[in-house]
Amino acid sequence: MPTFSHNDLDFAYLDEGEGEPVLLIHGFASTKEINWVGPGWMSTLVRAGRRAIAFDNRGHGASTKLYEREAYDPAIMARDALALMDHLGLPRADVMGYSMGGRIAACLALEAPERVRSLILGGIGIHLVEGAGLPVTVAEALLAPSLEDVTDPTGRTFRMFAEVTKSDRRALAACIYGSRRTLTREDVGRIGVPTLIAIGTKDAVSGAARPLAALIPGAQVVDIPDRDHMLAVGDKVFKEAALAFLNARP
């Protein structure tokens, strides 16, 4: 598996296919394999003639684990994504992020708009502005002595997920605390690239899509029918909408 280094951190990534590059940024407690390989995104994009690039965020998967909360600010994590683009010699890419990855992708579009051809925000709606991220009860659940000690339903879900994926729970807890920041309405109003927002109609985590779209000039919305936050990521409606969006963008 290829890796690259940035600020003394090591990041694992995948780079498949040829054609216009699409950079994929996964969500909290996930990995490039769980978010993008398993649900079929990598293969879908490659079959569509795209170059699909995905990496493990800091604290996740096979990338370096950090335990300082301040290391997980989404703007800092966006610079990791930019460093991968630099490593691969990519002047621009279409960028897709899911959930926390969408928060990171939005920061990337604001910090380096000349590097982002278009933006796909999956699993993140108005909570990009009105919600700081997952509740701290998730961090508490990750740090609890055992699953039996966790009573919060959302916390239990993420604790079980982290155990199944054998994730570093202490690093993930630091990420919960450190990534809890919002963008302002003025911030998202400055996103000047073509943007698609895709959220499951049963998603109780992301916040609504249309209020966010109303803040981003020209943003489009796709509803992913009957899918919650976890299941929406691999849905065929999401994939079809994303490919149509990518094919139509300037």
Protein backbone atom coordinates (compact mmCIF):
# COMPACT_ATOMS: atom_id res chain seq x y z
CA MET A 1 0.00 0.00 0.00
CA PRO A 2 1.49 3.36 -0.96
CA THR A 3 2.10 6.00 1.69
CA PHE A 4 3.17 9.64 1.80
CA SER A 5 4.55 11.81 4.59
CA HIS A 6 3.41 15.27 5.64
CA ASN A 7 4.54 17.20 8.72
CA ASP A 8 6.21 14.05 10.08
CA LEU A 9 2.99 12.05 9.76
CA ASP A 10 2.52 9.05 7.50
CA PHE A 11 -0.64 8.55 5.46
CA ALA A 12 -1.80 5.45 3.61
CA TYR A 13 -3.65 5.96 0.34
CA LEU A 14 -5.09 4.25 -2.72
CA ASP A 15 -4.72 5.53 -6.28
CA GLU A 16 -6.59 3.66 -9.00
CA GLY A 17 -7.64 4.29 -12.58
CA GLU A 18 -6.86 7.00 -15.07
CA GLY A 19 -8.56 10.16 -16.21
CA GLU A 20 -9.75 13.16 -14.23
CA PRO A 21 -8.88 12.71 -10.53
CA VAL A 22 -11.49 12.45 -7.77
CA LEU A 23 -10.15 12.81 -4.22
CA LEU A 24 -12.21 10.93 -1.62
CA ILE A 25 -12.19 11.94 2.07
CA HIS A 26 -13.81 9.48 4.49
CA GLY A 27 -15.87 10.09 7.58
CA PHE A 28 -15.21 9.76 11.28
CA ALA A 29 -14.12 6.31 12.53
CA SER A 30 -14.08 5.03 8.96
CA THR A 31 -11.22 4.25 6.58
CA LYS A 32 -10.58 4.43 2.85
CA GLU A 33 -11.60 0.78 2.56
CA ILE A 34 -14.77 1.03 4.65
CA ASN A 35 -16.00 4.31 3.16
CA TRP A 36 -14.88 4.01 -0.45
CA VAL A 37 -13.75 0.49 -1.41
CA GLY A 38 -16.41 -1.64 0.27
CA PRO A 39 -19.38 0.48 -0.88
CA GLY A 40 -18.05 0.37 -4.44
CA TRP A 41 -17.03 3.99 -4.96
CA MET A 42 -13.50 3.26 -6.12
CA SER A 43 -14.65 0.71 -8.70
CA THR A 44 -17.57 2.88 -9.80
CA LEU A 45 -15.36 5.88 -10.47
CA VAL A 46 -12.69 3.83 -12.24
CA ARG A 47 -15.30 2.19 -14.49
CA ALA A 48 -16.58 5.69 -15.29
CA GLY A 49 -13.13 6.65 -16.58
CA ARG A 50 -12.02 8.55 -13.48
CA ARG A 51 -8.90 8.32 -11.34
CA ALA A 52 -10.06 7.51 -7.81
CA ILE A 53 -7.80 8.53 -4.91
CA ALA A 54 -8.62 7.80 -1.27
CA PHE A 55 -6.57 8.06 1.91
CA ASP A 56 -6.85 7.36 5.61
CA ASN A 57 -7.29 10.55 7.62
CA ARG A 58 -4.91 11.16 10.51
CA GLY A 59 -5.95 9.03 13.49
CA HIS A 60 -7.68 6.52 11.22
CA GLY A 61 -6.88 3.30 9.40
CA ALA A 62 -3.22 2.84 8.54
CA SER A 63 -2.27 6.50 8.97
CA THR A 64 -0.45 8.02 11.96
CA LYS A 65 -2.41 8.15 15.21
CA LEU A 66 -2.40 11.36 17.23
CA TYR A 67 -3.82 11.97 20.70
CA GLU A 68 -3.82 15.78 20.94
CA ARG A 69 -7.26 17.21 20.31
CA GLU A 70 -5.97 20.28 18.51
CA ALA A 71 -4.39 18.07 15.84
CA TYR A 72 -7.82 17.24 14.42
CA ASP A 73 -9.13 20.63 13.39
CA PRO A 74 -10.85 20.10 10.01
CA ALA A 75 -8.78 22.86 8.43
CA ILE A 76 -5.59 21.06 9.49
CA MET A 77 -6.96 17.79 8.11
CA ALA A 78 -7.78 19.57 4.85
CA ARG A 79 -4.10 20.39 4.53
CA ASP A 80 -3.36 16.65 4.74
CA ALA A 81 -5.59 16.17 1.69
CA LEU A 82 -3.83 19.02 -0.08
CA ALA A 83 -0.47 17.43 0.75
CA LEU A 84 -1.60 14.21 -0.94
CA MET A 85 -2.53 16.20 -4.05
CA ASP A 86 0.93 17.79 -3.97
CA HIS A 87 2.54 14.36 -3.51
CA LEU A 88 0.71 13.07 -6.59
CA GLY A 89 1.37 16.22 -8.61
CA LEU A 90 -2.31 17.05 -9.00
CA PRO A 91 -2.97 20.73 -9.70
CA ARG A 92 -6.74 20.22 -9.31
CA ALA A 93 -9.22 17.48 -8.43
CA ASP A 94 -12.90 16.94 -7.88
CA VAL A 95 -13.26 16.41 -4.13
CA MET A 96 -15.87 14.25 -2.37
CA GLY A 97 -16.17 13.95 1.38
CA TYR A 98 -18.62 12.02 3.53
CA SER A 99 -19.78 13.21 6.96
CA MET A 100 -16.66 14.49 8.75
CA GLY A 101 -14.94 14.10 5.39
CA GLY A 102 -17.43 16.59 3.98
CA ARG A 103 -16.47 19.07 6.69
CA ILE A 104 -12.81 18.58 5.71
CA ALA A 105 -13.63 18.87 2.00
CA ALA A 106 -15.48 22.14 2.57
CA CYS A 107 -12.44 23.52 4.41
CA LEU A 108 -10.25 22.43 1.49
CA ALA A 109 -12.51 24.25 -0.96
CA LEU A 110 -12.20 27.42 1.15
CA GLU A 111 -8.47 27.21 1.79
CA ALA A 112 -7.39 26.25 -1.71
CA PRO A 113 -10.26 26.97 -4.12
CA GLU A 114 -7.92 26.89 -7.10
CA ARG A 115 -7.20 23.20 -6.35
CA VAL A 116 -10.85 22.08 -6.15
CA ARG A 117 -12.68 21.65 -9.43
CA SER A 118 -15.95 20.63 -7.80
CA LEU A 119 -17.22 19.56 -4.40
CA ILE A 120 -19.49 16.68 -3.37
CA LEU A 121 -20.68 16.79 0.23
CA GLY A 122 -22.22 13.49 1.31
CA GLY A 123 -23.75 12.96 4.73
CA ILE A 124 -23.31 16.59 5.81
CA GLY A 125 -26.01 19.24 5.58
CA ILE A 126 -26.81 22.30 7.61
CA HIS A 127 -24.89 20.80 10.54
CA LEU A 128 -21.81 22.00 8.68
CA VAL A 129 -22.91 25.42 9.93
CA GLU A 130 -25.21 24.74 12.87
CA GLY A 131 -23.65 21.63 14.39
CA ALA A 132 -20.10 21.23 15.66
CA GLY A 133 -19.93 17.54 14.77
CA LEU A 134 -20.71 14.34 16.61
CA PRO A 135 -21.66 14.77 20.28
CA VAL A 136 -18.99 14.40 22.96
CA THR A 137 -20.93 11.40 24.27
CA VAL A 138 -19.38 9.50 21.36
CA ALA A 139 -15.90 10.30 22.67
CA GLU A 140 -16.98 9.25 26.14
CA ALA A 141 -18.27 5.97 24.72
CA LEU A 142 -15.00 5.34 22.91
CA LEU A 143 -13.05 5.86 26.13
CA ALA A 144 -15.38 3.82 28.36
CA PRO A 145 -13.87 0.70 29.97
CA SER A 146 -16.18 -1.57 27.95
CA LEU A 147 -19.19 -1.53 25.65
CA GLU A 148 -21.37 -2.60 28.57
CA ASP A 149 -20.56 0.72 30.25
CA VAL A 150 -22.04 2.72 27.35
CA THR A 151 -25.74 3.62 27.53
CA ASP A 152 -25.94 6.42 24.95
CA PRO A 153 -27.37 4.89 21.71
CA THR A 154 -25.19 6.92 19.33
CA GLY A 155 -22.16 6.31 21.49
CA ARG A 156 -22.83 2.55 21.48
CA THR A 157 -23.11 2.55 17.70
CA PHE A 158 -19.71 4.17 17.23
CA ARG A 159 -18.09 2.14 20.02
CA MET A 160 -19.25 -1.11 18.37
CA PHE A 161 -18.08 0.14 14.98
CA ALA A 162 -14.67 1.07 16.37
CA GLU A 163 -14.31 -2.35 17.98
CA VAL A 164 -15.26 -4.18 14.79
CA THR A 165 -12.75 -2.14 12.76
CA LYS A 166 -10.09 -2.49 15.51
CA SER A 167 -9.60 1.27 15.49
CA ASP A 168 -7.48 3.24 17.94
CA ARG A 169 -10.29 4.43 20.20
CA ARG A 170 -8.16 6.99 22.04
CA ALA A 171 -7.16 8.65 18.76
CA LEU A 172 -10.79 8.67 17.63
CA ALA A 173 -11.89 10.28 20.89
CA ALA A 174 -9.30 13.03 20.39
CA CYS A 175 -10.67 13.47 16.86
CA ILE A 176 -14.21 13.91 18.20
CA TYR A 177 -13.11 16.73 20.47
CA GLY A 178 -10.71 18.34 18.01
CA SER A 179 -12.95 18.31 14.95
CA ARG A 180 -15.87 19.98 16.73
CA ARG A 181 -15.99 23.21 14.81
CA THR A 182 -18.45 24.79 12.43
CA LEU A 183 -18.12 27.01 9.42
CA THR A 184 -20.02 30.29 9.42
CA ARG A 185 -22.72 31.17 6.94
CA GLU A 186 -20.28 33.65 5.46
CA ASP A 187 -17.68 30.88 5.11
CA VAL A 188 -19.90 28.53 3.15
CA GLY A 189 -21.17 31.45 1.12
CA ARG A 190 -17.63 31.82 -0.18
CA ILE A 191 -17.55 28.29 -1.61
CA GLY A 192 -17.30 29.16 -5.27
CA VAL A 193 -16.98 25.77 -6.94
CA PRO A 194 -19.85 23.61 -8.27
CA THR A 195 -21.27 21.78 -5.25
CA LEU A 196 -23.53 18.75 -4.81
CA ILE A 197 -25.04 17.85 -1.42
CA ALA A 198 -26.31 14.28 -0.97
CA ILE A 199 -28.08 13.07 2.19
CA GLY A 200 -30.28 10.09 3.02
CA THR A 201 -33.90 10.87 3.70
CA LYS A 202 -33.67 8.94 6.99
CA ASP A 203 -30.36 10.52 8.04
CA ALA A 204 -30.70 11.90 11.57
CA VAL A 205 -27.04 12.94 11.85
CA SER A 206 -26.24 15.26 8.94
CA GLY A 207 -28.80 18.02 9.18
CA ALA A 208 -30.98 19.01 6.23
CA ALA A 209 -29.43 19.48 2.80
CA ARG A 210 -31.49 22.33 1.40
CA PRO A 211 -30.75 24.93 4.09
CA LEU A 212 -27.04 24.37 3.44
CA ALA A 213 -27.54 24.46 -0.32
CA ALA A 214 -29.29 27.82 0.06
CA LEU A 215 -26.06 29.23 1.50
CA ILE A 216 -23.70 27.90 -1.20
CA PRO A 217 -24.10 29.68 -4.54
CA GLY A 218 -25.52 27.30 -7.15
CA ALA A 219 -25.39 24.21 -4.95
CA GLN A 220 -27.45 21.19 -6.00
CA VAL A 221 -29.17 18.65 -3.76
CA VAL A 222 -29.92 14.96 -4.18
CA ASP A 223 -32.11 13.04 -1.72
CA ILE A 224 -31.01 9.43 -1.16
CA PRO A 225 -34.34 7.62 -0.57
CA ASP A 226 -34.92 5.57 2.58
CA ARG A 227 -31.29 5.61 3.69
CA ASP A 228 -29.86 6.61 7.05
CA HIS A 229 -26.42 8.08 7.70
CA MET A 230 -24.63 4.74 7.61
CA LEU A 231 -26.38 3.22 4.58
CA ALA A 232 -26.57 6.27 2.32
CA VAL A 233 -22.87 6.24 1.49
CA GLY A 234 -23.02 3.26 -0.87
CA ASP A 235 -26.46 3.82 -2.36
CA LYS A 236 -26.81 3.64 -6.15
CA VAL A 237 -28.85 6.86 -6.22
CA PHE A 238 -25.90 8.66 -4.64
CA LYS A 239 -23.46 7.13 -7.12
CA GLU A 240 -25.62 7.94 -10.15
CA ALA A 241 -26.13 11.53 -9.00
CA ALA A 242 -22.42 12.00 -8.31
CA LEU A 243 -21.39 10.68 -11.72
CA ALA A 244 -23.96 12.86 -13.46
CA PHE A 245 -22.72 15.85 -11.49
CA LEU A 246 -19.09 15.14 -12.35
CA ASN A 247 -19.91 14.68 -16.02
CA ALA A 248 -21.78 18.00 -16.13
CA ARG A 249 -19.31 20.15 -14.26
CA PRO A 250 -17.14 22.66 -16.18
